[in-house]
Amino acid sequence: MTEKGKAPDSASTTPPEKVNTPESAPAEPTLHIAPSPHMRESGYTTRRMMVDVLIALTPTTAAAIFFYHQWAIIQLLLCVGGCLVTEAVFTHARKRKLSLGDLSAVVTGVILALSLPWNTPWFISLIASVVAISLGKMIFGGLGMNLFNPAMVGRTFVMLAFAGAVGAPAYVVGVDRNPGNETIVTVADHTALDGSALDGISSATPLTAHKQNGTDIPVGWLVLSSCYSSLGERGIFVLIGGFFLLMRRTISWRIPLGAIISVALIAGIRDLAGYSDGWTITHHLFSGAFFLGAFFILTDPVTSPVTSKGRWIFGLLFGALVMLLRILSNYPEGVMFSILLVNALVPLINRWTIPKPFGGVVPQRT
């Protein structure tokens, strides 16, 4: 007790909450360690990115259905369904939350279907879908962990395992190769600009026809995407979707631009040197799956570099590999293998192109 009017003794009046006890000691700051980027737009989610990609693929998908009718629809349903079921099975096996809502498996299925011939047997489409998700994605840990583009992993597997059904011979004649239905099917009425039949276009892809027979293909046919090919080799429609992704800033413009510059440069040098055989820069750009690879597959944020300089290198290297494979190898197309090769180099490209920190490099102790 203290007398009234006198200051209380400080030692006896310290509030209990101010006593420095272990229970009341200030907590140490918590350090959260996480990979970059540390600042992000809250509205920019994986699902939004995948929705953008699906919207951008709509013109290409619609053109594939126009040219290949119900066979394109069946191909799309098989690949998308196979990818969704495979991801659900692997997610359940790992006892993780089902992640189909991010639509990444749907995008993989659509791109895989667009990379295959229209007459791919149903079981090969399903095998490609299973391999794409299991070996191309889930085996690495799921979305964001994969080193290679899943769709190209599945496409490469079935091309090597079933070369006769999905390789170059699959495009030579219009045959439905599904078991029990080995019949010739007319998928489109291919005629030249003057109204005459154009067998070189309707019987093989432009790249195959030029590679094996030296067939001259009118540029107009390539630009208008009226040639016999895989479902997604519809250059002008792919470009429409690619520009949509650039406007939405969903993809980096450096990657496709670098690829286009590289292909145009090498094709231009060959043309000036007299080795082009009538195959111009436009032929190389619009033939095959180059635009599909440059705008939709190569720009996958998981399997592409994170630095600006690295993206330039990535795109330029991809275009150079495409041209080298087309010119020097026996394959008429070089997009698929080129994508896998540059995907494998992404860790090195990221390491080689680390930007200098603000203020200069931190001096090392000697």
Protein backbone atom coordinates (compact mmCIF):
# COMPACT_ATOMS: atom_id res chain seq x y z
CA MET A 1 0.00 0.00 0.00
CA THR A 2 1.20 3.58 -0.68
CA GLU A 3 0.16 6.79 0.94
CA LYS A 4 -2.26 9.07 -0.90
CA GLY A 5 -0.53 11.83 -2.89
CA LYS A 6 2.88 10.15 -3.01
CA ALA A 7 4.40 8.70 -6.14
CA PRO A 8 4.26 4.96 -6.01
CA ASP A 9 7.40 2.94 -6.01
CA SER A 10 8.37 2.19 -9.61
CA ALA A 11 9.46 -1.33 -8.88
CA SER A 12 6.14 -2.22 -7.32
CA THR A 13 3.90 -0.57 -9.91
CA THR A 14 5.29 -1.87 -13.20
CA PRO A 15 2.27 -3.10 -15.16
CA PRO A 16 2.26 -6.86 -15.53
CA GLU A 17 2.04 -6.60 -19.28
CA LYS A 18 5.30 -4.63 -19.42
CA VAL A 19 7.37 -7.17 -17.53
CA ASN A 20 10.01 -8.64 -19.78
CA THR A 21 9.18 -12.30 -19.41
CA PRO A 22 9.66 -15.07 -21.96
CA GLU A 23 5.91 -15.02 -22.62
CA SER A 24 5.85 -11.28 -23.35
CA ALA A 25 9.16 -11.01 -25.23
CA PRO A 26 8.77 -9.60 -28.76
CA ALA A 27 8.47 -12.34 -31.38
CA GLU A 28 11.31 -12.69 -33.85
CA PRO A 29 10.45 -11.69 -37.43
CA THR A 30 9.39 -14.58 -39.65
CA LEU A 31 11.43 -14.98 -42.84
CA HIS A 32 9.47 -16.30 -45.79
CA ILE A 33 11.62 -17.79 -48.56
CA ALA A 34 9.98 -18.27 -51.94
CA PRO A 35 11.03 -18.22 -55.61
CA SER A 36 10.55 -15.08 -57.68
CA PRO A 37 8.58 -13.20 -58.79
CA HIS A 38 7.77 -11.66 -55.41
CA MET A 39 5.48 -8.99 -56.84
CA ARG A 40 2.64 -10.24 -58.96
CA GLU A 41 -0.70 -9.16 -60.34
CA SER A 42 -3.42 -10.77 -58.26
CA GLY A 43 -5.74 -11.14 -61.26
CA TYR A 44 -3.12 -12.85 -63.43
CA THR A 45 -3.63 -16.52 -62.61
CA THR A 46 -2.80 -19.77 -64.35
CA ARG A 47 -6.45 -20.21 -65.26
CA ARG A 48 -6.62 -16.77 -66.88
CA MET A 49 -3.53 -17.52 -68.93
CA MET A 50 -4.96 -20.85 -70.07
CA VAL A 51 -8.27 -19.24 -70.99
CA ASP A 52 -6.37 -16.71 -73.11
CA VAL A 53 -4.54 -19.53 -74.89
CA LEU A 54 -7.77 -21.43 -75.54
CA ILE A 55 -9.41 -18.30 -76.95
CA ALA A 56 -6.37 -17.68 -79.14
CA LEU A 57 -6.53 -21.27 -80.43
CA THR A 58 -10.18 -20.89 -81.44
CA PRO A 59 -9.47 -19.69 -85.05
CA THR A 60 -7.02 -22.55 -85.61
CA THR A 61 -9.39 -25.11 -84.12
CA ALA A 62 -12.31 -23.80 -86.18
CA ALA A 63 -10.21 -23.97 -89.35
CA ALA A 64 -9.17 -27.55 -88.53
CA ILE A 65 -12.82 -28.54 -88.12
CA PHE A 66 -13.69 -26.78 -91.40
CA PHE A 67 -11.00 -28.69 -93.32
CA TYR A 68 -11.22 -32.07 -91.58
CA HIS A 69 -14.84 -32.14 -90.39
CA GLN A 70 -15.77 -34.75 -87.76
CA TRP A 71 -12.29 -36.29 -87.73
CA ALA A 72 -10.91 -33.10 -86.20
CA ILE A 73 -13.62 -33.06 -83.54
CA ILE A 74 -12.93 -36.69 -82.62
CA GLN A 75 -9.21 -35.99 -82.42
CA LEU A 76 -9.74 -33.02 -80.12
CA LEU A 77 -12.12 -34.92 -77.84
CA LEU A 78 -9.76 -37.89 -77.56
CA CYS A 79 -6.69 -35.81 -76.71
CA VAL A 80 -8.40 -33.42 -74.29
CA GLY A 81 -10.28 -36.24 -72.58
CA GLY A 82 -7.15 -38.38 -72.34
CA CYS A 83 -5.15 -35.53 -70.79
CA LEU A 84 -7.87 -34.72 -68.24
CA VAL A 85 -8.31 -38.33 -67.14
CA THR A 86 -4.56 -38.92 -66.90
CA GLU A 87 -3.99 -35.82 -64.78
CA ALA A 88 -6.91 -36.77 -62.51
CA VAL A 89 -5.51 -40.28 -62.00
CA PHE A 90 -1.98 -39.07 -61.23
CA THR A 91 -3.22 -36.30 -58.93
CA HIS A 92 -5.34 -38.78 -56.98
CA ALA A 93 -2.44 -41.24 -56.78
CA ARG A 94 -0.25 -38.53 -55.23
CA LYS A 95 -3.07 -37.61 -52.83
CA ARG A 96 -3.17 -34.02 -53.97
CA LYS A 97 -6.03 -31.68 -54.64
CA LEU A 98 -7.54 -32.10 -58.08
CA SER A 99 -6.11 -29.37 -60.32
CA LEU A 100 -8.17 -29.72 -63.49
CA GLY A 101 -9.73 -26.30 -62.90
CA ASP A 102 -6.55 -24.49 -64.01
CA LEU A 103 -7.24 -25.77 -67.57
CA SER A 104 -3.58 -26.58 -68.20
CA ALA A 105 -4.46 -30.17 -69.13
CA VAL A 106 -7.09 -28.89 -71.57
CA VAL A 107 -4.52 -26.65 -73.29
CA THR A 108 -2.08 -29.56 -73.50
CA GLY A 109 -4.77 -31.75 -75.07
CA VAL A 110 -5.79 -29.14 -77.64
CA ILE A 111 -2.19 -28.42 -78.69
CA LEU A 112 -1.45 -32.15 -78.87
CA ALA A 113 -4.50 -32.76 -81.06
CA LEU A 114 -3.55 -29.89 -83.36
CA SER A 115 -0.06 -31.34 -83.79
CA LEU A 116 -1.34 -34.75 -84.97
CA PRO A 117 -2.64 -35.82 -88.41
CA TRP A 118 -6.42 -35.90 -88.74
CA ASN A 119 -6.36 -39.67 -89.40
CA THR A 120 -4.38 -40.66 -86.30
CA PRO A 121 -5.83 -43.91 -84.87
CA TRP A 122 -7.82 -43.37 -81.68
CA PHE A 123 -5.55 -45.49 -79.50
CA ILE A 124 -2.46 -43.54 -80.60
CA SER A 125 -4.17 -40.28 -79.65
CA LEU A 126 -4.90 -41.69 -76.19
CA ILE A 127 -1.33 -43.01 -75.79
CA ALA A 128 0.04 -39.60 -76.75
CA SER A 129 -2.24 -37.94 -74.18
CA VAL A 130 -1.18 -40.31 -71.38
CA VAL A 131 2.51 -39.86 -72.18
CA ALA A 132 2.17 -36.08 -72.46
CA ILE A 133 0.71 -35.71 -68.96
CA SER A 134 2.50 -38.54 -67.17
CA LEU A 135 6.04 -38.31 -68.59
CA GLY A 136 5.91 -34.71 -69.74
CA LYS A 137 4.34 -33.14 -66.66
CA MET A 138 3.41 -35.20 -63.60
CA ILE A 139 6.68 -37.11 -63.35
CA PHE A 140 8.47 -33.78 -62.80
CA GLY A 141 6.09 -32.79 -60.00
CA GLY A 142 3.16 -31.28 -61.86
CA LEU A 143 2.41 -27.87 -63.32
CA GLY A 144 5.35 -25.49 -63.12
CA MET A 145 7.95 -28.20 -62.59
CA ASN A 146 8.25 -29.74 -66.05
CA LEU A 147 11.35 -29.19 -68.15
CA PHE A 148 9.83 -30.07 -71.53
CA ASN A 149 6.56 -29.03 -73.11
CA PRO A 150 4.13 -31.89 -72.30
CA ALA A 151 2.32 -31.82 -75.66
CA MET A 152 5.60 -32.19 -77.54
CA VAL A 153 6.69 -35.05 -75.29
CA GLY A 154 3.54 -36.96 -76.19
CA ARG A 155 3.84 -36.06 -79.88
CA THR A 156 7.47 -37.16 -80.06
CA PHE A 157 6.75 -40.47 -78.32
CA VAL A 158 4.02 -41.56 -80.72
CA MET A 159 5.95 -40.30 -83.73
CA LEU A 160 8.90 -42.53 -82.84
CA ALA A 161 6.75 -45.46 -81.72
CA PHE A 162 4.18 -45.31 -84.55
CA ALA A 163 6.10 -43.67 -87.37
CA GLY A 164 3.92 -45.19 -90.07
CA ALA A 165 0.71 -43.83 -88.56
CA VAL A 166 1.74 -40.32 -87.49
CA GLY A 167 4.98 -39.70 -89.37
CA ALA A 168 5.38 -38.43 -92.92
CA PRO A 169 3.59 -41.48 -94.47
CA ALA A 170 0.42 -40.51 -92.60
CA TYR A 171 0.04 -37.45 -94.82
CA VAL A 172 0.75 -39.01 -98.19
CA VAL A 173 -2.79 -40.20 -98.91
CA GLY A 174 -6.14 -39.45 -97.33
CA VAL A 175 -6.61 -42.72 -95.46
CA ASP A 176 -8.53 -43.22 -92.24
CA ARG A 177 -6.03 -45.44 -90.41
CA ASN A 178 -8.25 -46.49 -87.53
CA PRO A 179 -8.48 -50.29 -87.14
CA GLY A 180 -11.15 -51.81 -89.36
CA ASN A 181 -11.57 -48.63 -91.40
CA GLU A 182 -8.68 -48.58 -93.86
CA THR A 183 -10.55 -46.51 -96.43
CA ILE A 184 -9.64 -43.48 -98.46
CA VAL A 185 -11.49 -40.40 -97.26
CA THR A 186 -11.93 -37.07 -99.02
CA VAL A 187 -11.38 -34.42 -96.36
CA ALA A 188 -11.38 -31.35 -98.60
CA ASP A 189 -11.65 -30.33 -102.22
CA HIS A 190 -8.16 -29.11 -103.04
CA THR A 191 -7.95 -27.25 -106.33
CA ALA A 192 -5.43 -24.81 -107.66
CA LEU A 193 -6.18 -21.14 -108.16
CA ASP A 194 -7.03 -21.79 -111.79
CA GLY A 195 -9.54 -24.53 -110.89
CA SER A 196 -7.37 -27.53 -111.82
CA ALA A 197 -6.61 -30.37 -109.40
CA LEU A 198 -3.49 -29.95 -107.32
CA ASP A 199 -2.32 -33.46 -106.41
CA GLY A 200 0.93 -32.29 -104.82
CA ILE A 201 -1.00 -30.45 -102.12
CA SER A 202 -3.80 -32.92 -101.56
CA SER A 203 -1.51 -35.95 -101.31
CA ALA A 204 1.24 -34.74 -98.97
CA THR A 205 2.19 -31.85 -96.77
CA PRO A 206 3.98 -29.01 -98.56
CA LEU A 207 7.24 -29.69 -96.70
CA THR A 208 7.16 -33.40 -97.54
CA ALA A 209 6.28 -32.75 -101.17
CA HIS A 210 9.13 -30.28 -101.51
CA LYS A 211 11.62 -32.37 -99.54
CA GLN A 212 11.04 -35.61 -101.41
CA ASN A 213 9.92 -34.52 -104.86
CA GLY A 214 10.97 -30.88 -105.17
CA THR A 215 7.31 -29.93 -105.69
CA ASP A 216 6.67 -26.22 -106.00
CA ILE A 217 3.81 -25.11 -103.75
CA PRO A 218 2.11 -21.75 -104.45
CA VAL A 219 2.62 -19.33 -101.58
CA GLY A 220 -1.06 -18.46 -101.65
CA TRP A 221 -1.97 -21.98 -100.61
CA LEU A 222 0.33 -21.78 -97.61
CA VAL A 223 -0.88 -18.36 -96.51
CA LEU A 224 -4.54 -19.37 -96.85
CA SER A 225 -3.80 -22.62 -94.96
CA SER A 226 -5.48 -24.78 -97.59
CA CYS A 227 -2.81 -27.47 -97.68
CA TYR A 228 -2.91 -31.05 -96.46
CA SER A 229 -1.22 -31.15 -93.06
CA SER A 230 -1.68 -31.64 -89.33
CA LEU A 231 -4.77 -30.13 -87.76
CA GLY A 232 -2.93 -27.09 -86.44
CA GLU A 233 -0.81 -26.20 -89.46
CA ARG A 234 -3.08 -23.30 -90.39
CA GLY A 235 -0.59 -20.43 -90.52
CA ILE A 236 -2.83 -17.40 -90.97
CA PHE A 237 -5.26 -18.56 -88.28
CA VAL A 238 -2.42 -19.29 -85.87
CA LEU A 239 -1.11 -15.77 -86.45
CA ILE A 240 -4.49 -14.30 -85.53
CA GLY A 241 -4.40 -16.16 -82.23
CA GLY A 242 -0.76 -15.26 -81.67
CA PHE A 243 -1.46 -11.55 -82.06
CA PHE A 244 -4.31 -11.90 -79.57
CA LEU A 245 -1.89 -13.36 -77.00
CA LEU A 246 0.56 -10.53 -77.64
CA MET A 247 -2.15 -7.92 -77.15
CA ARG A 248 -3.18 -9.60 -73.91
CA ARG A 249 0.50 -9.73 -72.88
CA THR A 250 0.05 -13.41 -72.12
CA ILE A 251 3.25 -14.32 -73.96
CA SER A 252 6.58 -12.59 -74.48
CA TRP A 253 6.92 -11.01 -77.92
CA ARG A 254 10.69 -11.59 -77.90
CA ILE A 255 10.41 -15.36 -78.36
CA PRO A 256 8.26 -15.52 -81.53
CA LEU A 257 9.98 -12.47 -83.02
CA GLY A 258 13.40 -14.01 -82.44
CA ALA A 259 12.24 -17.25 -84.09
CA ILE A 260 10.83 -15.41 -87.11
CA ILE A 261 14.02 -13.34 -87.51
CA SER A 262 16.19 -16.45 -87.35
CA VAL A 263 14.17 -18.39 -89.95
CA ALA A 264 13.89 -15.38 -92.25
CA LEU A 265 17.63 -14.69 -92.00
CA ILE A 266 18.74 -18.24 -92.80
CA ALA A 267 16.13 -18.66 -95.55
CA GLY A 268 17.13 -15.30 -97.04
CA ILE A 269 20.83 -16.24 -97.08
CA ARG A 270 20.00 -19.53 -98.83
CA ASP A 271 17.86 -17.71 -101.35
CA LEU A 272 20.61 -15.19 -102.13
CA ALA A 273 23.16 -18.01 -102.42
CA GLY A 274 20.96 -19.84 -104.92
CA TYR A 275 20.18 -22.90 -102.78
CA SER A 276 16.53 -22.23 -102.05
CA ASP A 277 15.08 -24.25 -105.00
CA GLY A 278 12.11 -21.92 -105.15
CA TRP A 279 11.38 -22.26 -101.40
CA THR A 280 11.28 -18.66 -100.22
CA ILE A 281 11.17 -17.05 -96.78
CA THR A 282 7.37 -17.04 -96.89
CA HIS A 283 7.33 -20.76 -97.66
CA HIS A 284 9.42 -21.55 -94.61
CA LEU A 285 7.42 -19.30 -92.30
CA PHE A 286 3.96 -20.48 -93.33
CA SER A 287 4.70 -24.16 -93.92
CA GLY A 288 4.52 -26.77 -91.22
CA ALA A 289 3.84 -25.98 -87.59
CA PHE A 290 6.33 -23.13 -87.29
CA PHE A 291 3.87 -20.44 -86.21
CA LEU A 292 2.05 -22.86 -83.89
CA GLY A 293 5.35 -23.68 -82.24
CA ALA A 294 6.62 -20.09 -82.09
CA PHE A 295 3.47 -18.53 -80.60
CA PHE A 296 1.79 -21.30 -78.61
CA ILE A 297 4.34 -23.96 -77.62
CA LEU A 298 7.66 -22.18 -77.36
CA THR A 299 6.17 -19.39 -75.23
CA ASP A 300 5.07 -21.73 -72.45
CA PRO A 301 6.24 -19.79 -69.35
CA VAL A 302 7.28 -22.98 -67.55
CA THR A 303 9.62 -24.22 -70.28
CA SER A 304 10.99 -20.89 -71.54
CA PRO A 305 13.64 -18.52 -70.09
CA VAL A 306 12.71 -15.87 -67.55
CA THR A 307 15.12 -13.13 -68.65
CA SER A 308 14.63 -10.78 -71.61
CA LYS A 309 18.03 -11.58 -73.10
CA GLY A 310 17.40 -15.28 -72.56
CA ARG A 311 14.11 -15.10 -74.45
CA TRP A 312 15.85 -13.54 -77.43
CA ILE A 313 18.46 -16.32 -77.42
CA PHE A 314 15.72 -18.91 -76.98
CA GLY A 315 13.71 -17.73 -79.98
CA LEU A 316 16.72 -17.23 -82.25
CA LEU A 317 18.09 -20.67 -81.39
CA PHE A 318 14.73 -22.32 -82.05
CA GLY A 319 14.44 -20.76 -85.50
CA ALA A 320 18.01 -21.77 -86.37
CA LEU A 321 17.41 -25.38 -85.31
CA VAL A 322 14.18 -25.54 -87.33
CA MET A 323 16.03 -24.46 -90.45
CA LEU A 324 18.99 -26.78 -89.84
CA LEU A 325 16.71 -29.78 -89.41
CA ARG A 326 14.69 -28.89 -92.51
CA ILE A 327 17.78 -28.38 -94.64
CA LEU A 328 20.25 -30.98 -93.37
CA SER A 329 18.15 -33.82 -91.93
CA ASN A 330 15.77 -36.32 -93.49
CA TYR A 331 12.82 -34.81 -91.61
CA PRO A 332 10.76 -32.38 -93.70
CA GLU A 333 9.66 -30.57 -90.51
CA GLY A 334 11.86 -29.53 -87.59
CA VAL A 335 9.56 -27.78 -85.11
CA MET A 336 8.89 -30.63 -82.68
CA PHE A 337 12.50 -31.70 -82.12
CA SER A 338 13.69 -28.08 -82.05
CA ILE A 339 11.27 -27.26 -79.21
CA LEU A 340 12.50 -30.18 -77.11
CA LEU A 341 16.14 -29.28 -77.76
CA VAL A 342 15.76 -25.65 -76.73
CA ASN A 343 13.62 -26.66 -73.72
CA ALA A 344 16.57 -28.70 -72.48
CA LEU A 345 18.82 -25.62 -72.71
CA VAL A 346 16.54 -23.31 -70.70
CA PRO A 347 18.38 -23.83 -67.34
CA LEU A 348 21.68 -22.95 -68.99
CA ILE A 349 20.21 -19.96 -70.81
CA ASN A 350 18.78 -18.65 -67.53
CA ARG A 351 22.16 -19.04 -65.86
CA TRP A 352 24.06 -17.36 -68.71
CA THR A 353 21.71 -14.37 -68.82
CA ILE A 354 21.37 -13.46 -65.14
CA PRO A 355 21.01 -9.64 -65.09
CA LYS A 356 23.48 -7.58 -63.11
CA PRO A 357 22.11 -6.36 -59.76
CA PHE A 358 21.43 -2.67 -59.25
CA GLY A 359 24.65 -0.95 -58.23
CA GLY A 360 26.93 -3.49 -59.84
CA VAL A 361 28.17 -6.95 -59.00
CA VAL A 362 28.77 -7.60 -55.31
CA PRO A 363 32.56 -7.91 -54.77
CA GLN A 364 33.72 -11.35 -53.69
CA ARG A 365 35.98 -11.85 -50.71
CA THR A 366 39.46 -13.08 -51.54
